[in-house]
Amino acid sequence: MDKKQEILAAAFELFSDKGYHLSMSELAGAVGIKTPSLYSHFRSKDQILEIIIDKEIQQFYANLKENMAIINKLRCEEGLKSIYNFVLTYFGEHKRLRFWRWIPLIASEPLRTVFSKLIAQKDSEFSQEMRLCFKKGQESGEIRGDIGFGSLKLFFCIIQGVLDGMLIHKSTRDEQAYSKEIFEAFWEGIRTKPEVQKG
């Protein structure tokens, strides 16, 4: 790994721990150089953060897109479960989850604005794909016809809530069982119930 890549890797670690509050002197110390030497590789802290945050965002959504291509071939329940599990697994590394939690709190308004817009755009594209999956579930009879797209928003909120729980409660002992129960409760609420046979 060359020095530039080493600096970026160290910046990822420090941003995960401290967010925008990381200092150039801390970053220099982490890679064993003097602070002025950082400026021979990068113009500023914002440039470093712009590189690592953009790379992380692009990586997450590229992986998500790969998963979306797979779920189009699955039944709706399996597709939703696949996306749910992918997101929880991706952020199962708490360092990565903390990294993302710092992005909306960036003190530099230009930097924060750039990434807020990028994430909103990517989320919008993802939501459109998920709406198609949801609609397919209704057309195939898996999801009740009276269920609106508000339930899809609930799905996203559930994922967000589970991630928040992972961040607060770092123990992973019962995490998988807990997240599985949450998904099953959600699916139970929207699925088409078999008609009760009358005797």
Protein backbone atom coordinates (compact mmCIF):
# COMPACT_ATOMS: atom_id res chain seq x y z
CA MET A 1 0.00 0.00 0.00
CA ASP A 2 1.49 3.36 -0.98
CA LYS A 3 1.44 6.32 1.41
CA LYS A 4 -1.58 7.95 -0.26
CA GLN A 5 -3.67 4.80 0.14
CA GLU A 6 -2.39 4.39 3.69
CA ILE A 7 -3.57 7.92 4.51
CA LEU A 8 -7.01 7.20 3.03
CA ALA A 9 -7.31 3.95 4.99
CA ALA A 10 -6.34 5.72 8.21
CA ALA A 11 -8.81 8.52 7.42
CA PHE A 12 -11.60 5.94 7.08
CA GLU A 13 -10.78 4.58 10.55
CA LEU A 14 -10.57 8.03 12.13
CA PHE A 15 -13.75 9.28 10.44
CA SER A 16 -15.57 6.19 11.77
CA ASP A 17 -14.48 7.12 15.29
CA LYS A 18 -14.60 10.91 15.26
CA GLY A 19 -16.46 12.05 12.18
CA TYR A 20 -15.53 15.46 10.85
CA HIS A 21 -13.77 16.22 14.14
CA LEU A 22 -10.73 14.17 13.14
CA SER A 23 -7.66 16.36 12.89
CA MET A 24 -4.90 16.38 10.33
CA SER A 25 -2.35 15.92 13.12
CA GLU A 26 -4.17 12.75 14.27
CA LEU A 27 -4.22 11.51 10.70
CA ALA A 28 -0.52 12.24 10.24
CA GLY A 29 0.25 10.41 13.49
CA ALA A 30 -1.77 7.40 12.39
CA VAL A 31 0.42 6.94 9.31
CA GLY A 32 3.71 7.94 10.96
CA ILE A 33 4.40 11.22 9.17
CA LYS A 34 4.45 14.88 10.15
CA THR A 35 1.32 16.93 9.53
CA PRO A 36 2.83 19.14 6.76
CA SER A 37 3.68 15.97 4.81
CA LEU A 38 -0.03 15.25 4.40
CA TYR A 39 -0.30 18.30 2.18
CA SER A 40 2.13 16.83 -0.31
CA HIS A 41 -0.55 14.18 -0.98
CA PHE A 42 -3.82 16.10 -0.44
CA ARG A 43 -4.93 19.74 -0.48
CA SER A 44 -7.06 19.56 2.66
CA LYS A 45 -8.96 17.45 5.13
CA ASP A 46 -12.11 18.02 3.06
CA GLN A 47 -10.45 16.56 -0.02
CA ILE A 48 -9.46 13.44 1.92
CA LEU A 49 -12.96 13.05 3.33
CA GLU A 50 -14.53 13.65 -0.07
CA ILE A 51 -12.51 10.76 -1.51
CA ILE A 52 -13.21 8.23 1.25
CA ILE A 53 -16.91 9.11 1.63
CA ASP A 54 -17.60 9.04 -2.10
CA LYS A 55 -15.81 5.69 -2.41
CA GLU A 56 -17.82 4.19 0.44
CA ILE A 57 -21.16 5.46 -0.88
CA GLN A 58 -20.42 4.20 -4.40
CA GLN A 59 -19.34 0.81 -3.04
CA PHE A 60 -22.49 0.34 -0.95
CA TYR A 61 -24.87 1.23 -3.77
CA ALA A 62 -22.94 -0.85 -6.32
CA ASN A 63 -23.31 -3.87 -4.02
CA LEU A 64 -26.96 -3.01 -3.45
CA LYS A 65 -27.53 -2.83 -7.23
CA GLU A 66 -26.02 -6.31 -7.63
CA ASN A 67 -28.44 -7.62 -5.01
CA MET A 68 -31.36 -5.86 -6.69
CA ALA A 69 -30.54 -7.66 -9.95
CA ILE A 70 -30.81 -10.96 -8.07
CA ILE A 71 -34.10 -10.22 -6.28
CA ASN A 72 -35.88 -9.51 -9.57
CA LYS A 73 -35.74 -13.28 -10.12
CA LEU A 74 -37.12 -14.13 -6.66
CA ARG A 75 -40.56 -14.19 -5.10
CA CYS A 76 -41.32 -10.92 -3.31
CA GLU A 77 -40.87 -12.34 0.20
CA GLU A 78 -37.47 -13.77 -0.68
CA GLY A 79 -36.48 -10.57 -2.46
CA LEU A 80 -37.36 -8.36 0.51
CA LYS A 81 -35.60 -10.75 2.85
CA SER A 82 -32.52 -10.77 0.61
CA ILE A 83 -32.26 -6.96 0.63
CA TYR A 84 -32.94 -6.83 4.37
CA ASN A 85 -30.19 -9.37 5.09
CA PHE A 86 -27.76 -7.72 2.67
CA VAL A 87 -28.07 -4.31 4.35
CA LEU A 88 -27.73 -5.75 7.86
CA THR A 89 -24.72 -7.83 6.83
CA TYR A 90 -23.05 -4.91 5.05
CA PHE A 91 -23.37 -2.73 8.12
CA GLY A 92 -22.66 -5.59 10.53
CA GLU A 93 -19.15 -4.21 10.82
CA HIS A 94 -19.83 -1.46 13.36
CA LYS A 95 -16.98 0.68 12.05
CA ARG A 96 -18.77 1.00 8.70
CA LEU A 97 -22.09 1.75 10.40
CA ARG A 98 -20.49 4.49 12.51
CA PHE A 99 -18.85 5.89 9.36
CA TRP A 100 -22.26 6.37 7.70
CA ARG A 101 -23.78 7.86 10.83
CA TRP A 102 -21.21 10.69 10.71
CA ILE A 103 -21.98 11.72 7.11
CA PRO A 104 -25.07 13.88 7.85
CA LEU A 105 -23.16 15.53 10.71
CA ILE A 106 -20.27 16.84 8.61
CA ALA A 107 -19.55 20.42 9.68
CA SER A 108 -18.47 21.50 6.19
CA GLU A 109 -21.73 22.56 4.53
CA PRO A 110 -20.50 22.13 0.92
CA LEU A 111 -19.26 18.62 1.66
CA ARG A 112 -22.40 17.69 3.60
CA THR A 113 -24.62 19.02 0.81
CA VAL A 114 -22.79 17.05 -1.90
CA PHE A 115 -23.19 13.77 -0.06
CA SER A 116 -26.73 14.41 1.13
CA LYS A 117 -27.75 14.92 -2.50
CA LEU A 118 -25.82 11.87 -3.69
CA ILE A 119 -27.37 9.60 -1.04
CA ALA A 120 -30.87 11.02 -1.72
CA GLN A 121 -30.44 10.32 -5.46
CA LYS A 122 -29.20 6.77 -4.87
CA ASP A 123 -31.97 6.12 -2.33
CA SER A 124 -34.58 7.36 -4.81
CA GLU A 125 -33.34 4.92 -7.48
CA PHE A 126 -33.33 2.09 -4.94
CA SER A 127 -36.86 2.98 -3.75
CA GLN A 128 -38.15 2.81 -7.33
CA GLU A 129 -36.70 -0.69 -7.73
CA MET A 130 -38.22 -1.77 -4.42
CA ARG A 131 -41.63 -0.42 -5.48
CA LEU A 132 -41.46 -2.71 -8.51
CA CYS A 133 -40.66 -5.67 -6.26
CA PHE A 134 -43.54 -4.74 -3.97
CA LYS A 135 -45.94 -4.33 -6.89
CA LYS A 136 -44.88 -7.70 -8.26
CA GLY A 137 -45.70 -9.20 -4.86
CA GLN A 138 -49.20 -7.76 -5.04
CA GLU A 139 -49.75 -8.89 -8.61
CA SER A 140 -48.66 -12.43 -7.76
CA GLY A 141 -50.92 -12.50 -4.69
CA GLU A 142 -48.10 -12.68 -2.13
CA ILE A 143 -48.92 -9.25 -0.68
CA ARG A 144 -52.45 -8.18 0.19
CA GLY A 145 -54.03 -5.93 -2.43
CA ASP A 146 -55.15 -3.37 0.16
CA ILE A 147 -51.55 -2.73 1.28
CA GLY A 148 -50.21 0.61 0.08
CA PHE A 149 -46.65 1.72 -0.56
CA GLY A 150 -46.60 3.12 2.98
CA SER A 151 -45.73 -0.44 4.02
CA LEU A 152 -42.64 -0.23 1.85
CA LYS A 153 -41.64 2.93 3.72
CA LEU A 154 -42.20 0.96 6.91
CA PHE A 155 -39.80 -1.67 5.57
CA PHE A 156 -37.10 1.00 5.18
CA CYS A 157 -37.84 2.34 8.66
CA ILE A 158 -37.52 -1.15 10.12
CA ILE A 159 -34.08 -1.54 8.53
CA GLN A 160 -33.08 1.85 9.93
CA GLY A 161 -34.33 0.88 13.39
CA VAL A 162 -32.43 -2.41 13.38
CA LEU A 163 -29.24 -0.59 12.31
CA ASP A 164 -29.73 1.93 15.13
CA GLY A 165 -30.11 -0.96 17.54
CA MET A 166 -26.90 -2.52 16.23
CA LEU A 167 -25.09 0.76 16.78
CA ILE A 168 -26.34 1.22 20.33
CA HIS A 169 -26.17 -2.41 21.46
CA LYS A 170 -22.88 -3.71 20.13
CA SER A 171 -23.41 -7.27 21.33
CA THR A 172 -24.18 -9.54 18.38
CA ARG A 173 -25.13 -12.59 20.47
CA ASP A 174 -28.85 -12.51 19.62
CA GLU A 175 -28.67 -10.06 16.73
CA GLN A 176 -29.49 -12.53 13.95
CA ALA A 177 -32.45 -14.08 15.76
CA TYR A 178 -33.72 -10.62 16.70
CA SER A 179 -33.50 -9.25 13.16
CA LYS A 180 -35.11 -12.40 11.73
CA GLU A 181 -38.09 -12.04 14.10
CA ILE A 182 -38.53 -8.40 13.05
CA PHE A 183 -38.61 -9.29 9.36
CA GLU A 184 -41.07 -12.13 9.96
CA ALA A 185 -43.38 -9.82 11.92
CA PHE A 186 -43.30 -7.30 9.07
CA TRP A 187 -44.01 -9.94 6.43
CA GLU A 188 -46.83 -11.42 8.50
CA GLY A 189 -48.48 -8.00 8.50
CA ILE A 190 -48.49 -7.56 4.71
CA ARG A 191 -48.74 -11.05 3.28
CA THR A 192 -51.90 -12.49 1.82
CA LYS A 193 -53.38 -14.85 4.39
CA PRO A 194 -54.68 -18.22 3.23
CA GLU A 195 -58.47 -18.31 3.35
CA VAL A 196 -59.82 -20.17 6.32
CA GLN A 197 -61.53 -23.31 5.19
CA LYS A 198 -65.16 -23.43 6.23
CA GLY A 199 -66.41 -26.77 7.50
